[in-house]
Protein backbone atom coordinates (compact mmCIF):
# COMPACT_ATOMS: atom_id res chain seq x y z
CA MET A 1 114.68 46.72 49.46
CA VAL A 2 112.17 44.23 47.80
CA SER A 3 109.39 45.50 45.74
CA ARG A 4 105.79 45.06 46.79
CA ASP A 5 105.02 43.04 43.51
CA ALA A 6 107.13 40.47 45.23
CA TYR A 7 104.18 40.20 47.81
CA ASN A 8 101.73 39.24 45.62
CA VAL A 9 100.11 36.21 46.49
CA PHE A 10 102.00 33.18 45.92
CA ILE A 11 100.07 30.11 47.93
CA ALA A 12 102.43 27.22 49.15
CA VAL A 13 103.39 24.81 51.60
CA TYR A 14 106.91 25.22 52.70
CA MET A 15 109.96 24.06 55.09
CA MET A 16 112.61 26.14 56.56
CA ALA A 17 115.73 24.96 58.06
CA SER A 18 118.31 26.06 60.59
CA ARG A 19 121.22 24.67 58.49
CA LYS A 20 121.72 21.60 56.35
CA HIS A 21 120.34 18.60 58.30
CA GLY A 22 119.32 20.99 61.32
CA VAL A 23 116.02 21.75 62.82
CA ILE A 24 113.37 21.95 60.25
CA TYR A 25 109.96 24.02 60.40
CA THR A 26 106.65 23.00 58.34
CA GLY A 27 104.33 25.96 57.26
CA VAL A 28 101.82 27.19 55.08
CA THR A 29 101.37 30.90 53.31
CA SER A 30 99.37 32.81 50.85
CA GLN A 31 102.58 34.88 50.38
CA LEU A 32 105.61 32.60 50.53
CA PRO A 33 107.98 35.69 49.40
CA ARG A 34 106.74 37.71 52.54
CA ARG A 35 106.63 34.78 54.95
CA ALA A 36 110.03 33.43 54.23
CA GLY A 37 111.21 37.00 54.34
CA GLN A 38 109.81 37.33 58.14
CA HIS A 39 111.35 34.28 58.75
CA ARG A 40 115.11 35.13 57.64
CA GLU A 41 115.03 38.19 59.47
CA GLY A 42 113.73 36.51 62.61
CA ARG A 43 110.53 38.26 62.56
CA MET A 44 108.50 35.15 63.42
CA PRO A 45 108.38 34.52 66.99
CA GLY A 46 108.02 31.40 68.79
CA PHE A 47 109.46 27.89 67.04
CA THR A 48 111.41 29.31 64.25
CA GLN A 49 112.79 32.39 65.96
CA ARG A 50 113.82 30.38 68.79
CA TYR A 51 115.60 27.65 66.65
CA GLY A 52 117.23 30.03 64.49
CA VAL A 53 114.97 28.51 61.31
CA LYS A 54 115.82 31.06 58.49
CA ARG A 55 116.70 29.11 55.35
CA LEU A 56 113.99 28.19 52.69
CA VAL A 57 114.89 24.67 51.85
CA TRP A 58 112.11 23.30 49.87
CA TYR A 59 108.39 24.74 48.86
CA GLU A 60 105.29 23.38 46.92
CA PRO A 61 102.77 25.73 45.26
CA HIS A 62 99.44 25.41 45.08
CA ASP A 63 96.13 26.61 43.74
CA SER A 64 94.19 27.08 46.80
CA ILE A 65 94.76 27.84 50.32
CA LEU A 66 92.65 24.85 51.09
CA ALA A 67 94.88 22.51 49.52
CA ALA A 68 97.85 24.08 50.99
CA ILE A 69 96.60 23.78 54.40
CA GLN A 70 95.82 19.92 53.48
CA ARG A 71 99.11 19.17 52.29
CA GLU A 72 100.63 21.04 55.19
CA LYS A 73 98.79 18.58 57.65
CA SER A 74 99.75 15.99 55.99
CA LEU A 75 103.52 16.99 55.92
CA LYS A 76 103.45 17.48 59.62
CA LYS A 77 102.12 13.82 60.41
CA TYR A 78 105.51 12.55 58.50
CA LYS A 79 108.38 11.50 60.09
CA ARG A 80 111.46 13.34 60.09
CA GLU A 81 113.18 11.13 57.63
CA TRP A 82 110.63 11.87 54.85
CA LYS A 83 110.68 15.47 55.07
CA VAL A 84 114.65 15.35 54.66
CA ASN A 85 114.15 12.82 51.76
CA LEU A 86 111.65 15.48 50.17
CA ILE A 87 113.82 18.38 50.71
CA GLU A 88 116.96 16.25 49.18
CA ARG A 89 114.99 15.49 46.28
CA ASP A 90 114.98 18.77 45.06
CA ASN A 91 117.46 20.76 47.07
CA PRO A 92 120.26 17.99 47.57
CA ASP A 93 122.64 20.69 49.46
CA TRP A 94 120.12 22.56 51.22
CA HIS A 95 120.89 25.92 50.08
CA ASP A 96 118.48 28.53 50.78
CA LEU A 97 116.03 29.14 48.17
CA PHE A 98 114.84 32.90 49.03
CA PRO A 99 117.04 34.56 46.89
CA THR A 100 115.90 32.64 43.86
CA LEU A 101 112.78 32.73 45.05
CA MET A 102 112.78 36.62 44.76
CA GLY A 103 114.60 36.33 41.36
CA VAL A 104 118.08 37.56 42.83
CA THR A 105 120.96 36.61 40.79
CA ASP A 106 123.25 39.72 41.35
CA PHE A 107 124.13 39.27 44.86
CA ASP A 108 126.68 42.08 44.54
CA ARG A 109 123.82 44.34 43.83
CA TRP A 110 121.68 42.72 46.55
CA PRO A 111 124.07 41.69 49.51
CA GLU A 112 121.55 41.15 52.34
CA LEU A 113 119.91 38.45 50.29
CA ARG A 114 122.91 36.30 50.15
CA SER A 115 122.80 33.29 52.14
CA ASN A 116 125.49 32.16 54.52
CA ASP A 117 125.28 28.61 52.92
CA ARG A 118 126.58 29.58 49.33
């Protein structure tokens, strides 16, 4: 079980993917750990649920939600190739960043947070 402290404000623009070079979803949130967890668990109806987009592959923290929304709008205008380059600059293997975001290093203790890509 993830602690409530993990759900404190964390404003970010983020990209989720179905797999390496798979379907990409770009979003914005004020609670990145919570939102990424919802995507991972398939609790976000619509596009991400339909395409199995469950892997947090990139995120960019922001100080304000307005700045994050502006950045999200910009990213959504970019071509897929540019988004792939942005992901691969920081995460070349498209690993799921959710466990690291949650501070998990002991997957024997928290096996439910292990992603299928490691």
